[in-house]
Each structure stands twice: as C-alpha cells, then as structure tokens.
Amino acid sequence: MLTMEEIRELIRLLDDSTLTELELEFEDGKVRLAKRAEIVSYTVPQVAMPVAQAAPAPSAAPPAGSAAPAPVDDPTLHVITSPMVGTFYRAPAPDAPPFVDVGSQVGPKTVVCIIEAMKLMNEIEAEVSGEIVEILAENGQLVEYGQPLFKVRRT
C-alpha cells in the first residue's frame, strides 16, 4: 500500500495536471483521486417583474414549429420577433436607460433588447435600418419564440 507521503504527492500531481480523476490499483488495494467540479457563478441583474396581466387570447395559434410574425399591413414596417423563449429586457441593467425607445433610429446591428434564456443574456439586433415605431413587449415579460417585440419603419 502507499504511504501518506506518496498519496500526498499523487494529490499534488493531480492538482497540477488537467486530469480530473486518477485511479491506481495495486495487489493489496487501490487509490482513487478525483477533483471536485469547479463551480462557476455570476450575478444576473434583477429587474422588478410587472404585475401579471392576462394576455389577450390569440385568435388562432400558428402550427407547431412555426412562428409567424404578426401581420403587418404596411410594407414599410418590419417586425422584430423573439428568436427564443426567455425574459425580455429593454435595458442592459435595471438602472440603465433602455437600448431604444419609440422614435429611436436603428441600424441592422443596433442592439434593441436583451432576452435572458437559461441565465444567458442574448443581445437582439434590429436586423434592418429604420425608426422604432412601436414596442410590443413589456420589460421583464416572458416572451415566446417568434413573438413580435418591436415594429420598425424601414428607411
């Protein structure tokens, strides 16, 4: 069997290596050493959730797997839709100004909001150049895939 000093040396070698586990078998026994998984944490900005309000019932649900944006009668309007399910935030932090407001000019790469999904903050870009004419989601609201978020009048 190994001495305590030999076990300590194995522990030092494991700590200094990229290995996460080491198991040695001998005639008179075995030793198994494993590193604990590293815990990664970060703080997500907290936003006060608005009082829940009943959403208007949709007249007809789109077929499963499709997320058609809301119909737009005006061909100069573009609807920015949510690319995922998550929580909609208009600003990068609770005390920061919103990314855009009604009347803001945007370009294709302009960040218009953040959608938090699985503790990841995903920046959503305008995709077109134009002016924000309507904001369709409330700050802190849960949004669905394909849900309309903004209307942009193309320029």
Protein backbone atom coordinates (compact mmCIF):
# COMPACT_ATOMS: atom_id res chain seq x y z
CA MET A 1 0.00 0.00 0.00
CA LEU A 2 1.07 3.63 -0.50
CA THR A 3 2.45 5.75 2.27
CA MET A 4 0.78 9.02 3.24
CA GLU A 5 3.66 10.94 1.64
CA GLU A 6 3.15 9.06 -1.65
CA ILE A 7 -0.60 9.80 -1.53
CA ARG A 8 0.12 13.49 -0.88
CA GLU A 9 2.48 13.51 -3.89
CA LEU A 10 -0.26 11.95 -6.06
CA ILE A 11 -2.67 14.66 -4.89
CA ARG A 12 -0.16 17.39 -5.81
CA LEU A 13 0.38 15.81 -9.24
CA LEU A 14 -3.39 15.64 -9.84
CA ASP A 15 -3.82 19.27 -8.74
CA ASP A 16 -1.07 20.41 -11.14
CA SER A 17 -2.45 18.46 -14.11
CA THR A 18 -5.51 18.84 -16.34
CA LEU A 19 -6.73 15.40 -15.25
CA THR A 20 -9.93 15.34 -13.22
CA GLU A 21 -9.63 11.78 -11.94
CA LEU A 22 -6.88 9.25 -11.18
CA GLU A 23 -7.31 5.63 -10.11
CA LEU A 24 -4.42 3.26 -9.31
CA GLU A 25 -4.78 -0.43 -8.48
CA PHE A 26 -2.20 -2.43 -6.56
CA GLU A 27 -2.04 -6.04 -5.43
CA ASP A 28 -3.08 -5.02 -1.94
CA GLY A 29 -5.61 -2.29 -2.74
CA LYS A 30 -6.44 0.70 -4.88
CA VAL A 31 -6.43 4.52 -4.68
CA ARG A 32 -8.90 6.76 -6.48
CA LEU A 33 -8.48 10.54 -6.53
CA ALA A 34 -10.93 12.93 -8.20
CA LYS A 35 -11.07 16.72 -8.47
CA ARG A 36 -14.31 18.39 -7.47
CA ALA A 37 -16.18 20.10 -10.30
CA GLU A 38 -15.45 23.81 -10.41
CA ILE A 39 -18.50 25.86 -9.55
CA VAL A 40 -18.96 28.89 -11.78
CA SER A 41 -21.37 31.58 -10.73
CA TYR A 42 -22.24 35.07 -11.83
CA THR A 43 -24.79 37.67 -10.94
CA VAL A 44 -27.68 38.41 -13.26
CA PRO A 45 -29.24 41.86 -12.99
CA GLN A 46 -32.57 41.67 -11.23
CA VAL A 47 -35.48 43.56 -12.74
CA ALA A 48 -38.74 44.10 -10.91
CA MET A 49 -41.36 41.98 -12.58
CA PRO A 50 -44.53 43.82 -13.53
CA VAL A 51 -47.83 42.62 -12.12
CA ALA A 52 -49.04 39.77 -14.29
CA GLN A 53 -51.81 40.76 -16.64
CA ALA A 54 -53.91 38.41 -18.66
CA ALA A 55 -52.72 38.36 -22.25
CA PRO A 56 -55.39 38.60 -24.93
CA ALA A 57 -56.24 35.17 -26.26
CA PRO A 58 -54.82 34.60 -29.73
CA SER A 59 -57.47 34.14 -32.38
CA ALA A 60 -55.63 31.25 -33.97
CA ALA A 61 -52.41 29.60 -32.86
CA PRO A 62 -49.75 29.11 -35.54
CA PRO A 63 -48.99 25.48 -36.42
CA ALA A 64 -46.46 23.76 -34.17
CA GLY A 65 -42.87 24.56 -35.14
CA SER A 66 -43.76 27.80 -36.90
CA ALA A 67 -43.67 31.28 -35.51
CA ALA A 68 -45.10 33.70 -37.99
CA PRO A 69 -44.72 37.36 -37.03
CA ALA A 70 -47.83 39.42 -36.54
CA PRO A 71 -49.31 40.50 -39.86
CA VAL A 72 -48.18 43.94 -40.95
CA ASP A 73 -50.40 45.86 -43.34
CA ASP A 74 -47.74 48.48 -44.08
CA PRO A 75 -44.92 47.07 -46.29
CA THR A 76 -42.52 49.71 -44.90
CA LEU A 77 -42.83 48.13 -41.42
CA HIS A 78 -40.56 45.35 -40.20
CA VAL A 79 -41.45 43.33 -37.10
CA ILE A 80 -38.55 42.23 -34.91
CA THR A 81 -39.51 38.90 -33.33
CA SER A 82 -38.02 36.95 -30.46
CA PRO A 83 -35.58 34.29 -31.66
CA MET A 84 -36.09 32.29 -28.44
CA VAL A 85 -38.16 31.79 -25.31
CA GLY A 86 -36.94 33.94 -22.43
CA THR A 87 -37.33 37.11 -20.41
CA PHE A 88 -37.41 40.40 -22.36
CA TYR A 89 -35.34 43.32 -21.02
CA ARG A 90 -35.32 46.77 -22.64
CA ALA A 91 -32.08 47.87 -20.88
CA PRO A 92 -28.72 46.26 -20.04
CA ALA A 93 -29.30 46.83 -16.29
CA PRO A 94 -32.22 47.90 -14.07
CA ASP A 95 -30.78 51.41 -13.57
CA ALA A 96 -29.64 51.88 -17.20
CA PRO A 97 -31.60 53.64 -19.94
CA PRO A 98 -33.37 51.41 -22.49
CA PHE A 99 -31.49 50.37 -25.61
CA VAL A 100 -34.16 52.01 -27.80
CA ASP A 101 -37.41 53.97 -27.43
CA VAL A 102 -40.18 54.84 -29.86
CA GLY A 103 -38.59 57.25 -32.34
CA SER A 104 -35.05 55.80 -32.00
CA GLN A 105 -33.14 55.35 -35.23
CA VAL A 106 -31.62 51.88 -35.61
CA GLY A 107 -29.30 50.06 -37.99
CA PRO A 108 -29.09 46.33 -38.69
CA LYS A 109 -26.54 45.79 -35.89
CA THR A 110 -28.20 48.06 -33.30
CA VAL A 111 -28.98 46.15 -30.09
CA VAL A 112 -32.66 46.75 -29.30
CA CYS A 113 -33.11 44.49 -26.24
CA ILE A 114 -31.81 41.53 -24.28
CA ILE A 115 -33.55 38.20 -23.90
CA GLU A 116 -32.44 36.15 -20.93
CA ALA A 117 -32.63 32.43 -21.56
CA MET A 118 -31.13 29.87 -19.18
CA LYS A 119 -29.23 32.60 -17.31
CA LEU A 120 -27.58 33.78 -20.55
CA MET A 121 -28.13 37.33 -21.74
CA ASN A 122 -28.72 37.35 -25.52
CA GLU A 123 -28.50 40.70 -27.32
CA ILE A 124 -31.13 41.06 -30.02
CA GLU A 125 -30.26 43.27 -33.01
CA ALA A 126 -32.65 45.30 -35.20
CA GLU A 127 -31.71 43.49 -38.45
CA VAL A 128 -32.91 46.49 -40.51
CA SER A 129 -32.33 50.24 -40.71
CA GLY A 130 -35.19 52.44 -39.67
CA GLU A 131 -37.14 54.03 -36.83
CA ILE A 132 -38.73 52.21 -33.88
CA VAL A 133 -42.47 52.96 -34.14
CA GLU A 134 -43.85 50.56 -31.54
CA ILE A 135 -42.56 48.46 -28.63
CA LEU A 136 -44.74 45.36 -28.33
CA ALA A 137 -43.32 43.67 -25.19
CA GLU A 138 -43.14 44.83 -21.58
CA ASN A 139 -39.86 44.98 -19.67
CA GLY A 140 -39.41 41.81 -17.60
CA GLN A 141 -42.09 39.94 -19.60
CA LEU A 142 -41.67 36.30 -20.57
CA VAL A 143 -41.66 36.11 -24.38
CA GLU A 144 -42.15 33.16 -26.69
CA TYR A 145 -40.23 32.12 -29.80
CA GLY A 146 -41.47 34.23 -32.73
CA GLN A 147 -43.34 36.72 -30.54
CA PRO A 148 -43.31 40.26 -32.01
CA LEU A 149 -41.15 42.62 -29.93
CA PHE A 150 -40.78 45.84 -32.00
CA LYS A 151 -42.13 47.44 -35.15
CA VAL A 152 -39.56 49.31 -37.22
CA ARG A 153 -40.40 51.66 -40.11
CA ARG A 154 -37.72 50.97 -42.72
CA THR A 155 -35.76 53.90 -44.09
